[in-house]
Amino acid sequence: MSAFRPAPLKPLVTFSALQALDLRVGEILAAEKVPASSKLVRLTVSFGDHTRTILAGLQKERENLQALLGWQTLFVINLEPKRLAGEVSEGMLLDLGFADGLEPAFLLPETPVPNGTRAG
């Protein structure tokens, strides 16, 4: 196995640009394969005061989707809705490793927090 080399740093952004992202913890209530896609999974996620449908490319990474139920992880929830494989995604799951070609790992709170808790 070759040694991991971190990617080059991205350009600097202002603190206000970072604050523009709404990063929140959500709990996965349901996870189902999207029929029109070989990659996408439809997640139903609770953010405390509402639920959202978020599509994530997990089919090839996660054999047992039901094992994700009840997990809390981090999502971007103020992205413009995006249509993928005939369905609308209302946010984005954040993970570690995918952008670097590694097997992705979820960002999990070290202790349970209320759904909808903001990061930052």
PDB file of N, CA and C in Angstrom:
ATOM      1  N   MET A   1       0.849  -1.176   0.000  1.00  0.00           N
ATOM      2  CA  MET A   1       0.000   0.000   0.000  1.00  0.00           C
ATOM      3  C   MET A   1       0.898   1.244   0.000  1.00  0.00           C
ATOM      4  N   SER A   2       0.551   2.210  -0.844  1.00  0.00           N
ATOM      5  CA  SER A   2       1.353   3.428  -0.908  1.00  0.00           C
ATOM      6  C   SER A   2       0.958   4.384   0.217  1.00  0.00           C
ATOM      7  N   ALA A   3       1.874   5.249   0.564  1.00  0.00           N
ATOM      8  CA  ALA A   3       1.627   6.202   1.640  1.00  0.00           C
ATOM      9  C   ALA A   3       0.639   7.271   1.172  1.00  0.00           C
ATOM     10  N   PHE A   4      -0.220   7.666   2.057  1.00  0.00           N
ATOM     11  CA  PHE A   4      -1.191   8.720   1.753  1.00  0.00           C
ATOM     12  C   PHE A   4      -0.494  10.060   1.654  1.00  0.00           C
ATOM     13  N   ARG A   5      -0.837  10.827   0.635  1.00  0.00           N
ATOM     14  CA  ARG A   5      -0.309  12.179   0.470  1.00  0.00           C
ATOM     15  C   ARG A   5      -1.492  13.146   0.460  1.00  0.00           C
ATOM     16  N   PRO A   6      -1.541  14.053   1.425  1.00  0.00           N
ATOM     17  CA  PRO A   6      -2.630  15.025   1.432  1.00  0.00           C
ATOM     18  C   PRO A   6      -2.646  15.870   0.159  1.00  0.00           C
ATOM     19  N   ALA A   7      -3.835  16.221  -0.279  1.00  0.00           N
ATOM     20  CA  ALA A   7      -4.004  17.079  -1.452  1.00  0.00           C
ATOM     21  C   ALA A   7      -3.475  18.473  -1.137  1.00  0.00           C
ATOM     22  N   PRO A   8      -3.135  19.234  -2.169  1.00  0.00           N
ATOM     23  CA  PRO A   8      -2.710  20.623  -1.944  1.00  0.00           C
ATOM     24  C   PRO A   8      -3.832  21.408  -1.270  1.00  0.00           C
ATOM     25  N   LEU A   9      -3.452  22.414  -0.495  1.00  0.00           N
ATOM     26  CA  LEU A   9      -4.436  23.260   0.169  1.00  0.00           C
ATOM     27  C   LEU A   9      -5.237  24.050  -0.855  1.00  0.00           C
ATOM     28  N   LYS A  10      -6.500  24.257  -0.570  1.00  0.00           N
ATOM     29  CA  LYS A  10      -7.348  25.091  -1.413  1.00  0.00           C
ATOM     30  C   LYS A  10      -7.079  26.550  -1.091  1.00  0.00           C
ATOM     31  N   PRO A  11      -7.532  27.460  -1.980  1.00  0.00           N
ATOM     32  CA  PRO A  11      -7.330  28.899  -1.704  1.00  0.00           C
ATOM     33  C   PRO A  11      -8.031  29.319  -0.410  1.00  0.00           C
ATOM     34  N   LEU A  12      -7.513  30.363   0.222  1.00  0.00           N
ATOM     35  CA  LEU A  12      -8.105  30.896   1.443  1.00  0.00           C
ATOM     36  C   LEU A  12      -9.506  31.428   1.179  1.00  0.00           C
ATOM     37  N   VAL A  13     -10.380  31.288   2.168  1.00  0.00           N
ATOM     38  CA  VAL A  13     -11.720  31.874   2.119  1.00  0.00           C
ATOM     39  C   VAL A  13     -11.884  32.752   3.348  1.00  0.00           C
ATOM     40  N   THR A  14     -12.820  33.664   3.265  1.00  0.00           N
ATOM     41  CA  THR A  14     -13.079  34.529   4.408  1.00  0.00           C
ATOM     42  C   THR A  14     -13.870  33.759   5.462  1.00  0.00           C
ATOM     43  N   PHE A  15     -13.792  34.233   6.688  1.00  0.00           N
ATOM     44  CA  PHE A  15     -14.554  33.629   7.773  1.00  0.00           C
ATOM     45  C   PHE A  15     -16.053  33.711   7.471  1.00  0.00           C
ATOM     46  N   SER A  16     -16.481  34.810   6.861  1.00  0.00           N
ATOM     47  CA  SER A  16     -17.905  34.958   6.540  1.00  0.00           C
ATOM     48  C   SER A  16     -18.345  33.943   5.478  1.00  0.00           C
ATOM     49  N   ALA A  17     -17.448  33.575   4.571  1.00  0.00           N
ATOM     50  CA  ALA A  17     -17.796  32.546   3.578  1.00  0.00           C
ATOM     51  C   ALA A  17     -18.037  31.207   4.274  1.00  0.00           C
ATOM     52  N   LEU A  18     -17.216  30.892   5.252  1.00  0.00           N
ATOM     53  CA  LEU A  18     -17.410  29.660   6.018  1.00  0.00           C
ATOM     54  C   LEU A  18     -18.712  29.711   6.807  1.00  0.00           C
ATOM     55  N   GLN A  19     -18.998  30.861   7.410  1.00  0.00           N
ATOM     56  CA  GLN A  19     -20.219  31.007   8.197  1.00  0.00           C
ATOM     57  C   GLN A  19     -21.474  30.906   7.338  1.00  0.00           C
ATOM     58  N   ALA A  20     -21.347  31.097   6.032  1.00  0.00           N
ATOM     59  CA  ALA A  20     -22.504  31.011   5.140  1.00  0.00           C
ATOM     60  C   ALA A  20     -23.015  29.574   5.018  1.00  0.00           C
ATOM     61  N   LEU A  21     -22.159  28.583   5.281  1.00  0.00           N
ATOM     62  CA  LEU A  21     -22.582  27.186   5.223  1.00  0.00           C
ATOM     63  C   LEU A  21     -23.358  26.823   6.488  1.00  0.00           C
ATOM     64  N   ASP A  22     -24.481  26.168   6.313  1.00  0.00           N
ATOM     65  CA  ASP A  22     -25.275  25.703   7.453  1.00  0.00           C
ATOM     66  C   ASP A  22     -24.991  24.211   7.627  1.00  0.00           C
ATOM     67  N   LEU A  23     -24.083  23.894   8.546  1.00  0.00           N
ATOM     68  CA  LEU A  23     -23.675  22.519   8.830  1.00  0.00           C
ATOM     69  C   LEU A  23     -24.397  22.068  10.090  1.00  0.00           C
ATOM     70  N   ARG A  24     -25.161  20.985   9.976  1.00  0.00           N
ATOM     71  CA  ARG A  24     -25.937  20.513  11.122  1.00  0.00           C
ATOM     72  C   ARG A  24     -25.889  19.005  11.242  1.00  0.00           C
ATOM     73  N   VAL A  25     -26.046  18.574  12.482  1.00  0.00           N
ATOM     74  CA  VAL A  25     -26.155  17.141  12.761  1.00  0.00           C
ATOM     75  C   VAL A  25     -27.579  16.700  12.456  1.00  0.00           C
ATOM     76  N   GLY A  26     -27.686  15.603  11.738  1.00  0.00           N
ATOM     77  CA  GLY A  26     -28.983  15.008  11.456  1.00  0.00           C
ATOM     78  C   GLY A  26     -28.931  13.523  11.754  1.00  0.00           C
ATOM     79  N   GLU A  27     -30.088  12.968  12.073  1.00  0.00           N
ATOM     80  CA  GLU A  27     -30.197  11.533  12.358  1.00  0.00           C
ATOM     81  C   GLU A  27     -30.841  10.833  11.166  1.00  0.00           C
ATOM     82  N   ILE A  28     -30.195   9.788  10.691  1.00  0.00           N
ATOM     83  CA  ILE A  28     -30.710   9.032   9.542  1.00  0.00           C
ATOM     84  C   ILE A  28     -31.880   8.166  10.009  1.00  0.00           C
ATOM     85  N   LEU A  29     -33.072   8.449   9.457  1.00  0.00           N
ATOM     86  CA  LEU A  29     -34.284   7.711   9.810  1.00  0.00           C
ATOM     87  C   LEU A  29     -34.582   6.593   8.821  1.00  0.00           C
ATOM     88  N   ALA A  30     -34.189   6.779   7.563  1.00  0.00           N
ATOM     89  CA  ALA A  30     -34.427   5.773   6.518  1.00  0.00           C
ATOM     90  C   ALA A  30     -33.320   5.876   5.491  1.00  0.00           C
ATOM     91  N   ALA A  31     -32.978   4.743   4.872  1.00  0.00           N
ATOM     92  CA  ALA A  31     -31.959   4.686   3.827  1.00  0.00           C
ATOM     93  C   ALA A  31     -32.406   3.662   2.793  1.00  0.00           C
ATOM     94  N   GLU A  32     -32.622   4.130   1.549  1.00  0.00           N
ATOM     95  CA  GLU A  32     -33.123   3.259   0.489  1.00  0.00           C
ATOM     96  C   GLU A  32     -32.367   3.530  -0.801  1.00  0.00           C
ATOM     97  N   LYS A  33     -32.134   2.482  -1.575  1.00  0.00           N
ATOM     98  CA  LYS A  33     -31.501   2.653  -2.878  1.00  0.00           C
ATOM     99  C   LYS A  33     -32.418   3.463  -3.780  1.00  0.00           C
ATOM    100  N   VAL A  34     -31.816   4.346  -4.581  1.00  0.00           N
ATOM    101  CA  VAL A  34     -32.564   5.089  -5.593  1.00  0.00           C
ATOM    102  C   VAL A  34     -32.642   4.184  -6.824  1.00  0.00           C
ATOM    103  N   PRO A  35     -33.855   3.793  -7.233  1.00  0.00           N
ATOM    104  CA  PRO A  35     -33.997   2.812  -8.327  1.00  0.00           C
ATOM    105  C   PRO A  35     -33.307   3.203  -9.635  1.00  0.00           C
ATOM    106  N   ALA A  36     -33.273   4.492  -9.962  1.00  0.00           N
ATOM    107  CA  ALA A  36     -32.712   4.936 -11.241  1.00  0.00           C
ATOM    108  C   ALA A  36     -31.198   5.159 -11.192  1.00  0.00           C
ATOM    109  N   SER A  37     -30.546   4.724 -10.118  1.00  0.00           N
ATOM    110  CA  SER A  37     -29.115   4.966  -9.961  1.00  0.00           C
ATOM    111  C   SER A  37     -28.407   3.736  -9.401  1.00  0.00           C
ATOM    112  N   SER A  38     -27.178   3.528  -9.844  1.00  0.00           N
ATOM    113  CA  SER A  38     -26.367   2.432  -9.287  1.00  0.00           C
ATOM    114  C   SER A  38     -25.520   2.908  -8.115  1.00  0.00           C
ATOM    115  N   LYS A  39     -25.560   4.206  -7.805  1.00  0.00           N
ATOM    116  CA  LYS A  39     -24.733   4.772  -6.738  1.00  0.00           C
ATOM    117  C   LYS A  39     -25.539   5.393  -5.609  1.00  0.00           C
ATOM    118  N   LEU A  40     -26.651   6.057  -5.941  1.00  0.00           N
ATOM    119  CA  LEU A  40     -27.333   6.906  -4.969  1.00  0.00           C
ATOM    120  C   LEU A  40     -28.211   6.157  -3.978  1.00  0.00           C
ATOM    121  N   VAL A  41     -28.215   6.684  -2.761  1.00  0.00           N
ATOM    122  CA  VAL A  41     -29.085   6.215  -1.683  1.00  0.00           C
ATOM    123  C   VAL A  41     -29.910   7.416  -1.228  1.00  0.00           C
ATOM    124  N   ARG A  42     -31.206   7.190  -1.020  1.00  0.00           N
ATOM    125  CA  ARG A  42     -32.108   8.231  -0.513  1.00  0.00           C
ATOM    126  C   ARG A  42     -32.123   8.131   1.001  1.00  0.00           C
ATOM    127  N   LEU A  43     -31.633   9.172   1.661  1.00  0.00           N
ATOM    128  CA  LEU A  43     -31.648   9.228   3.111  1.00  0.00           C
ATOM    129  C   LEU A  43     -32.786  10.136   3.559  1.00  0.00           C
ATOM    130  N   THR A  44     -33.555   9.698   4.523  1.00  0.00           N
ATOM    131  CA  THR A  44     -34.510  10.560   5.202  1.00  0.00           C
ATOM    132  C   THR A  44     -33.850  10.930   6.515  1.00  0.00           C
ATOM    133  N   VAL A  45     -33.652  12.238   6.721  1.00  0.00           N
ATOM    134  CA  VAL A  45     -32.833  12.718   7.833  1.00  0.00           C
ATOM    135  C   VAL A  45     -33.638  13.683   8.697  1.00  0.00           C
ATOM    136  N   SER A  46     -33.608  13.461  10.014  1.00  0.00           N
ATOM    137  CA  SER A  46     -34.264  14.362  10.957  1.00  0.00           C
ATOM    138  C   SER A  46     -33.277  15.423  11.424  1.00  0.00           C
ATOM    139  N   PHE A  47     -33.716  16.676  11.341  1.00  0.00           N
ATOM    140  CA  PHE A  47     -32.948  17.800  11.869  1.00  0.00           C
ATOM    141  C   PHE A  47     -33.671  18.441  13.044  1.00  0.00           C
ATOM    142  N   GLY A  48     -34.440  17.636  13.764  1.00  0.00           N
ATOM    143  CA  GLY A  48     -35.129  18.105  14.957  1.00  0.00           C
ATOM    144  C   GLY A  48     -36.478  18.714  14.657  1.00  0.00           C
ATOM    145  N   ASP A  49     -36.487  19.851  13.976  1.00  0.00           N
ATOM    146  CA  ASP A  49     -37.751  20.524  13.683  1.00  0.00           C
ATOM    147  C   ASP A  49     -38.294  20.187  12.294  1.00  0.00           C
ATOM    148  N   HIS A  50     -37.543  19.431  11.492  1.00  0.00           N
ATOM    149  CA  HIS A  50     -38.003  19.015  10.170  1.00  0.00           C
ATOM    150  C   HIS A  50     -37.168  17.842   9.678  1.00  0.00           C
ATOM    151  N   THR A  51     -37.668  17.175   8.642  1.00  0.00           N
ATOM    152  CA  THR A  51     -36.906  16.115   7.982  1.00  0.00           C
ATOM    153  C   THR A  51     -36.636  16.543   6.547  1.00  0.00           C
ATOM    154  N   ARG A  52     -35.600  15.965   5.980  1.00  0.00           N
ATOM    155  CA  ARG A  52     -35.229  16.239   4.589  1.00  0.00           C
ATOM    156  C   ARG A  52     -34.833  14.945   3.906  1.00  0.00           C
ATOM    157  N   THR A  53     -34.961  14.983   2.590  1.00  0.00           N
ATOM    158  CA  THR A  53     -34.445  13.910   1.753  1.00  0.00           C
ATOM    159  C   THR A  53     -33.086  14.355   1.230  1.00  0.00           C
ATOM    160  N   ILE A  54     -32.085  13.544   1.502  1.00  0.00           N
ATOM    161  CA  ILE A  54     -30.731  13.850   1.037  1.00  0.00           C
ATOM    162  C   ILE A  54     -30.200  12.626   0.303  1.00  0.00           C
ATOM    163  N   LEU A  55     -29.761  12.842  -0.930  1.00  0.00           N
ATOM    164  CA  LEU A  55     -29.206  11.763  -1.735  1.00  0.00           C
ATOM    165  C   LEU A  55     -27.698  11.719  -1.544  1.00  0.00           C
ATOM    166  N   ALA A  56     -27.176  10.513  -1.389  1.00  0.00           N
ATOM    167  CA  ALA A  56     -25.732  10.333  -1.176  1.00  0.00           C
ATOM    168  C   ALA A  56     -25.273   9.110  -1.958  1.00  0.00           C
ATOM    169  N   GLY A  57     -24.080   9.170  -2.490  1.00  0.00           N
ATOM    170  CA  GLY A  57     -23.518   8.067  -3.279  1.00  0.00           C
ATOM    171  C   GLY A  57     -22.955   6.974  -2.400  1.00  0.00           C
ATOM    172  N   LEU A  58     -23.841   6.215  -1.763  1.00  0.00           N
ATOM    173  CA  LEU A  58     -23.409   5.216  -0.775  1.00  0.00           C
ATOM    174  C   LEU A  58     -23.620   3.765  -1.195  1.00  0.00           C
ATOM    175  N   GLN A  59     -24.304   3.523  -2.316  1.00  0.00           N
ATOM    176  CA  GLN A  59     -24.673   2.138  -2.648  1.00  0.00           C
ATOM    177  C   GLN A  59     -23.479   1.195  -2.707  1.00  0.00           C
ATOM    178  N   LYS A  60     -22.388   1.639  -3.285  1.00  0.00           N
ATOM    179  CA  LYS A  60     -21.230   0.757  -3.446  1.00  0.00           C
ATOM    180  C   LYS A  60     -20.352   0.710  -2.199  1.00  0.00           C
ATOM    181  N   GLU A  61     -20.541   1.661  -1.284  1.00  0.00           N
ATOM    182  CA  GLU A  61     -19.716   1.741  -0.078  1.00  0.00           C
ATOM    183  C   GLU A  61     -20.351   1.055   1.124  1.00  0.00           C
ATOM    184  N   ARG A  62     -21.657   0.977   1.141  1.00  0.00           N
ATOM    185  CA  ARG A  62     -22.381   0.470   2.314  1.00  0.00           C
ATOM    186  C   ARG A  62     -23.254  -0.699   1.908  1.00  0.00           C
ATOM    187  N   GLU A  63     -22.851  -1.891   2.303  1.00  0.00           N
ATOM    188  CA  GLU A  63     -23.600  -3.089   1.963  1.00  0.00           C
ATOM    189  C   GLU A  63     -24.951  -3.126   2.670  1.00  0.00           C
ATOM    190  N   ASN A  64     -24.956  -2.800   3.963  1.00  0.00           N
ATOM    191  CA  ASN A  64     -26.170  -2.878   4.764  1.00  0.00           C
ATOM    192  C   ASN A  64     -26.654  -1.462   5.089  1.00  0.00           C
ATOM    193  N   LEU A  65     -27.545  -0.955   4.258  1.00  0.00           N
ATOM    194  CA  LEU A  65     -28.053   0.403   4.460  1.00  0.00           C
ATOM    195  C   LEU A  65     -28.836   0.531   5.754  1.00  0.00           C
ATOM    196  N   GLN A  66     -29.477  -0.541   6.188  1.00  0.00           N
ATOM    197  CA  GLN A  66     -30.267  -0.482   7.422  1.00  0.00           C
ATOM    198  C   GLN A  66     -29.384  -0.246   8.648  1.00  0.00           C
ATOM    199  N   ALA A  67     -28.098  -0.571   8.544  1.00  0.00           N
ATOM    200  CA  ALA A  67     -27.179  -0.342   9.654  1.00  0.00           C
ATOM    201  C   ALA A  67     -26.968   1.152   9.913  1.00  0.00           C
ATOM    202  N   LEU A  68     -27.325   2.006   8.938  1.00  0.00           N
ATOM    203  CA  LEU A  68     -27.150   3.450   9.088  1.00  0.00           C
ATOM    204  C   LEU A  68     -28.270   4.093   9.901  1.00  0.00           C
ATOM    205  N   LEU A  69     -29.382   3.380  10.074  1.00  0.00           N
ATOM    206  CA  LEU A  69     -30.528   3.961  10.766  1.00  0.00           C
ATOM    207  C   LEU A  69     -30.166   4.302  12.207  1.00  0.00           C
ATOM    208  N   GLY A  70     -30.521   5.513  12.605  1.00  0.00           N
ATOM    209  CA  GLY A  70     -30.219   5.981  13.956  1.00  0.00           C
ATOM    210  C   GLY A  70     -28.886   6.688  14.085  1.00  0.00           C
ATOM    211  N   TRP A  71     -28.051   6.626  13.045  1.00  0.00           N
ATOM    212  CA  TRP A  71     -26.758   7.308  13.106  1.00  0.00           C
ATOM    213  C   TRP A  71     -26.966   8.812  13.013  1.00  0.00           C
ATOM    214  N   GLN A  72     -26.196   9.554  13.793  1.00  0.00           N
ATOM    215  CA  GLN A  72     -26.124  11.004  13.655  1.00  0.00           C
ATOM    216  C   GLN A  72     -24.830  11.321  12.909  1.00  0.00           C
ATOM    217  N   THR A  73     -24.925  12.211  11.942  1.00  0.00           N
ATOM    218  CA  THR A  73     -23.743  12.628  11.192  1.00  0.00           C
ATOM    219  C   THR A  73     -23.956  14.054  10.693  1.00  0.00           C
ATOM    220  N   LEU A  74     -22.967  14.592  10.010  1.00  0.00           N
ATOM    221  CA  LEU A  74     -22.975  16.000   9.632  1.00  0.00           C
ATOM    222  C   LEU A  74     -23.427  16.186   8.186  1.00  0.00           C
ATOM    223  N   PHE A  75     -24.277  17.202   7.976  1.00  0.00           N
ATOM    224  CA  PHE A  75     -24.830  17.527   6.661  1.00  0.00           C
ATOM    225  C   PHE A  75     -24.724  19.026   6.403  1.00  0.00           C
ATOM    226  N   VAL A  76     -24.619  19.400   5.128  1.00  0.00           N
ATOM    227  CA  VAL A  76     -24.787  20.784   4.693  1.00  0.00           C
ATOM    228  C   VAL A  76     -26.253  20.894   4.298  1.00  0.00           C
ATOM    229  N   ILE A  77     -26.990  21.806   4.941  1.00  0.00           N
ATOM    230  CA  ILE A  77     -28.427  21.843   4.655  1.00  0.00           C
ATOM    231  C   ILE A  77     -28.892  23.127   3.960  1.00  0.00           C
ATOM    232  N   ASN A  78     -27.976  24.010   3.597  1.00  0.00           N
ATOM    233  CA  ASN A  78     -28.431  25.200   2.883  1.00  0.00           C
ATOM    234  C   ASN A  78     -27.899  25.259   1.449  1.00  0.00           C
ATOM    235  N   LEU A  79     -27.657  24.094   0.854  1.00  0.00           N
ATOM    236  CA  LEU A  79     -27.347  24.051  -0.572  1.00  0.00           C
ATOM    237  C   LEU A  79     -28.647  24.149  -1.356  1.00  0.00           C
ATOM    238  N   GLU A  80     -28.573  24.688  -2.568  1.00  0.00           N
ATOM    239  CA  GLU A  80     -29.756  24.695  -3.424  1.00  0.00           C
ATOM    240  C   GLU A  80     -30.155  23.247  -3.693  1.00  0.00           C
ATOM    241  N   PRO A  81     -31.467  22.944  -3.692  1.00  0.00           N
ATOM    242  CA  PRO A  81     -31.896  21.576  -4.023  1.00  0.00           C
ATOM    243  C   PRO A  81     -31.348  21.176  -5.391  1.00  0.00           C
ATOM    244  N   LYS A  82     -30.994  19.899  -5.510  1.00  0.00           N
ATOM    245  CA  LYS A  82     -30.407  19.406  -6.760  1.00  0.00           C
ATOM    246  C   LYS A  82     -31.123  18.137  -7.192  1.00  0.00           C
ATOM    247  N   ARG A  83     -31.479  18.077  -8.484  1.00  0.00           N
ATOM    248  CA  ARG A  83     -32.145  16.896  -9.032  1.00  0.00           C
ATOM    249  C   ARG A  83     -31.086  15.911  -9.505  1.00  0.00           C
ATOM    250  N   LEU A  84     -31.161  14.693  -8.973  1.00  0.00           N
ATOM    251  CA  LEU A  84     -30.246  13.603  -9.323  1.00  0.00           C
ATOM    252  C   LEU A  84     -31.078  12.344  -9.562  1.00  0.00           C
ATOM    253  N   ALA A  85     -30.870  11.691 -10.689  1.00  0.00           N
ATOM    254  CA  ALA A  85     -31.563  10.435 -11.002  1.00  0.00           C
ATOM    255  C   ALA A  85     -33.074  10.560 -10.815  1.00  0.00           C
ATOM    256  N   GLY A  86     -33.624  11.723 -11.196  1.00  0.00           N
ATOM    257  CA  GLY A  86     -35.063  11.927 -11.122  1.00  0.00           C
ATOM    258  C   GLY A  86     -35.600  12.272  -9.740  1.00  0.00           C
ATOM    259  N   GLU A  87     -34.724  12.455  -8.761  1.00  0.00           N
ATOM    260  CA  GLU A  87     -35.153  12.794  -7.401  1.00  0.00           C
ATOM    261  C   GLU A  87     -34.445  14.073  -6.961  1.00  0.00           C
ATOM    262  N   VAL A  88     -34.988  14.714  -5.939  1.00  0.00           N
ATOM    263  CA  VAL A  88     -34.414  15.975  -5.460  1.00  0.00           C
ATOM    264  C   VAL A  88     -33.704  15.741  -4.133  1.00  0.00           C
ATOM    265  N   SER A  89     -32.463  16.224  -4.059  1.00  0.00           N
ATOM    266  CA  SER A  89     -31.684  16.174  -2.824  1.00  0.00           C
ATOM    267  C   SER A  89     -31.733  17.552  -2.175  1.00  0.00           C
ATOM    268  N   GLU A  90     -32.011  17.568  -0.867  1.00  0.00           N
ATOM    269  CA  GLU A  90     -32.160  18.824  -0.129  1.00  0.00           C
ATOM    270  C   GLU A  90     -30.982  19.091   0.805  1.00  0.00           C
ATOM    271  N   GLY A  91     -29.800  18.661   0.420  1.00  0.00           N
ATOM    272  CA  GLY A  91     -28.620  18.875   1.238  1.00  0.00           C
ATOM    273  C   GLY A  91     -27.510  17.940   0.799  1.00  0.00           C
ATOM    274  N   MET A  92     -26.446  17.875   1.607  1.00  0.00           N
ATOM    275  CA  MET A  92     -25.315  17.025   1.275  1.00  0.00           C
ATOM    276  C   MET A  92     -24.736  16.399   2.539  1.00  0.00           C
ATOM    277  N   LEU A  93     -24.518  15.111   2.484  1.00  0.00           N
ATOM    278  CA  LEU A  93     -23.839  14.380   3.549  1.00  0.00           C
ATOM    279  C   LEU A  93     -22.357  14.716   3.482  1.00  0.00           C
ATOM    280  N   LEU A  94     -21.756  15.055   4.613  1.00  0.00           N
ATOM    281  CA  LEU A  94     -20.313  15.271   4.665  1.00  0.00           C
ATOM    282  C   LEU A  94     -19.644  13.993   5.146  1.00  0.00           C
ATOM    283  N   ASP A  95     -18.507  13.670   4.555  1.00  0.00           N
ATOM    284  CA  ASP A  95     -17.750  12.512   5.012  1.00  0.00           C
ATOM    285  C   ASP A  95     -16.264  12.816   4.919  1.00  0.00           C
ATOM    286  N   LEU A  96     -15.484  11.890   5.370  1.00  0.00           N
ATOM    287  CA  LEU A  96     -14.024  11.999   5.294  1.00  0.00           C
ATOM    288  C   LEU A  96     -13.500  10.964   4.311  1.00  0.00           C
ATOM    289  N   GLY A  97     -12.599  11.358   3.432  1.00  0.00           N
ATOM    290  CA  GLY A  97     -11.886  10.400   2.604  1.00  0.00           C
ATOM    291  C   GLY A  97     -12.310  10.302   1.154  1.00  0.00           C
ATOM    292  N   PHE A  98     -13.587  10.508   0.835  1.00  0.00           N
ATOM    293  CA  PHE A  98     -14.053  10.301  -0.539  1.00  0.00           C
ATOM    294  C   PHE A  98     -13.259  11.132  -1.540  1.00  0.00           C
ATOM    295  N   ALA A  99     -13.064  12.415  -1.248  1.00  0.00           N
ATOM    296  CA  ALA A  99     -12.354  13.310  -2.164  1.00  0.00           C
ATOM    297  C   ALA A  99     -10.905  12.871  -2.395  1.00  0.00           C
ATOM    298  N   ASP A 100     -10.360  12.074  -1.493  1.00  0.00           N
ATOM    299  CA  ASP A 100      -8.981  11.598  -1.613  1.00  0.00           C
ATOM    300  C   ASP A 100      -8.896  10.159  -2.121  1.00  0.00           C
ATOM    301  N   GLY A 101     -10.035   9.609  -2.562  1.00  0.00           N
ATOM    302  CA  GLY A 101     -10.026   8.249  -3.090  1.00  0.00           C
ATOM    303  C   GLY A 101      -9.962   7.181  -2.016  1.00  0.00           C
ATOM    304  N   LEU A 102     -10.268   7.554  -0.776  1.00  0.00           N
ATOM    305  CA  LEU A 102     -10.271   6.597   0.326  1.00  0.00           C
ATOM    306  C   LEU A 102     -11.686   6.100   0.575  1.00  0.00           C
ATOM    307  N   GLU A 103     -11.808   5.001   1.296  1.00  0.00           N
ATOM    308  CA  GLU A 103     -13.128   4.548   1.690  1.00  0.00           C
ATOM    309  C   GLU A 103     -13.710   5.578   2.652  1.00  0.00           C
ATOM    310  N   PRO A 104     -14.852   6.165   2.310  1.00  0.00           N
ATOM    311  CA  PRO A 104     -15.394   7.246   3.125  1.00  0.00           C
ATOM    312  C   PRO A 104     -15.792   6.821   4.533  1.00  0.00           C
ATOM    313  N   ALA A 105     -15.617   7.740   5.463  1.00  0.00           N
ATOM    314  CA  ALA A 105     -16.024   7.549   6.853  1.00  0.00           C
ATOM    315  C   ALA A 105     -16.938   8.710   7.230  1.00  0.00           C
ATOM    316  N   PHE A 106     -17.992   8.414   7.962  1.00  0.00           N
ATOM    317  CA  PHE A 106     -18.922   9.452   8.396  1.00  0.00           C
ATOM    318  C   PHE A 106     -18.301  10.274   9.515  1.00  0.00           C
ATOM    319  N   LEU A 107     -18.768  11.510   9.651  1.00  0.00           N
ATOM    320  CA  LEU A 107     -18.385  12.397  10.750  1.00  0.00           C
ATOM    321  C   LEU A 107     -19.428  12.218  11.845  1.00  0.00           C
ATOM    322  N   LEU A 108     -19.069  11.543  12.921  1.00  0.00           N
ATOM    323  CA  LEU A 108     -20.012  11.224  13.987  1.00  0.00           C
ATOM    324  C   LEU A 108     -19.705  12.025  15.240  1.00  0.00           C
ATOM    325  N   PRO A 109     -20.749  12.562  15.900  1.00  0.00           N
ATOM    326  CA  PRO A 109     -20.501  13.243  17.172  1.00  0.00           C
ATOM    327  C   PRO A 109     -19.960  12.251  18.208  1.00  0.00           C
ATOM    328  N   GLU A 110     -19.066  12.697  19.049  1.00  0.00           N
ATOM    329  CA  GLU A 110     -18.498  11.780  20.059  1.00  0.00           C
ATOM    330  C   GLU A 110     -19.522  11.420  21.125  1.00  0.00           C
ATOM    331  N   THR A 111     -20.512  12.258  21.329  1.00  0.00           N
ATOM    332  CA  THR A 111     -21.643  11.939  22.205  1.00  0.00           C
ATOM    333  C   THR A 111     -22.910  12.389  21.470  1.00  0.00           C
ATOM    334  N   PRO A 112     -24.057  11.788  21.773  1.00  0.00           N
ATOM    335  CA  PRO A 112     -25.287  12.205  21.109  1.00  0.00           C
ATOM    336  C   PRO A 112     -25.582  13.681  21.399  1.00  0.00           C
ATOM    337  N   VAL A 113     -26.077  14.372  20.359  1.00  0.00           N
ATOM    338  CA  VAL A 113     -26.485  15.772  20.471  1.00  0.00           C
ATOM    339  C   VAL A 113     -27.882  15.879  19.875  1.00  0.00           C
ATOM    340  N   PRO A 114     -28.627  16.924  20.197  1.00  0.00           N
ATOM    341  CA  PRO A 114     -29.955  17.074  19.601  1.00  0.00           C
ATOM    342  C   PRO A 114     -29.857  17.204  18.072  1.00  0.00           C
ATOM    343  N   ASN A 115     -30.768  16.538  17.363  1.00  0.00           N
ATOM    344  CA  ASN A 115     -30.813  16.678  15.906  1.00  0.00           C
ATOM    345  C   ASN A 115     -31.014  18.141  15.552  1.00  0.00           C
ATOM    346  N   GLY A 116     -30.245  18.621  14.582  1.00  0.00           N
ATOM    347  CA  GLY A 116     -30.307  20.022  14.184  1.00  0.00           C
ATOM    348  C   GLY A 116     -29.211  20.870  14.796  1.00  0.00           C
ATOM    349  N   THR A 117     -28.393  20.282  15.692  1.00  0.00           N
ATOM    350  CA  THR A 117     -27.283  21.022  16.304  1.00  0.00           C
ATOM    351  C   THR A 117     -26.329  21.494  15.203  1.00  0.00           C
ATOM    352  N   ARG A 118     -25.948  22.769  15.274  1.00  0.00           N
ATOM    353  CA  ARG A 118     -25.067  23.349  14.271  1.00  0.00           C
ATOM    354  C   ARG A 118     -23.602  23.068  14.582  1.00  0.00           C
ATOM    355  N   ALA A 119     -22.815  22.943  13.515  1.00  0.00           N
ATOM    356  CA  ALA A 119     -21.359  22.831  13.647  1.00  0.00           C
ATOM    357  C   ALA A 119     -20.762  24.222  13.583  1.00  0.00           C
ATOM    358  N   GLY A 120     -19.646  24.402  14.273  1.00  0.00           N
ATOM    359  CA  GLY A 120     -18.940  25.670  14.155  1.00  0.00           C
ATOM    360  C   GLY A 120     -18.817  26.429  15.439  1.00  0.00           C
TER     361      GLY A 120
END
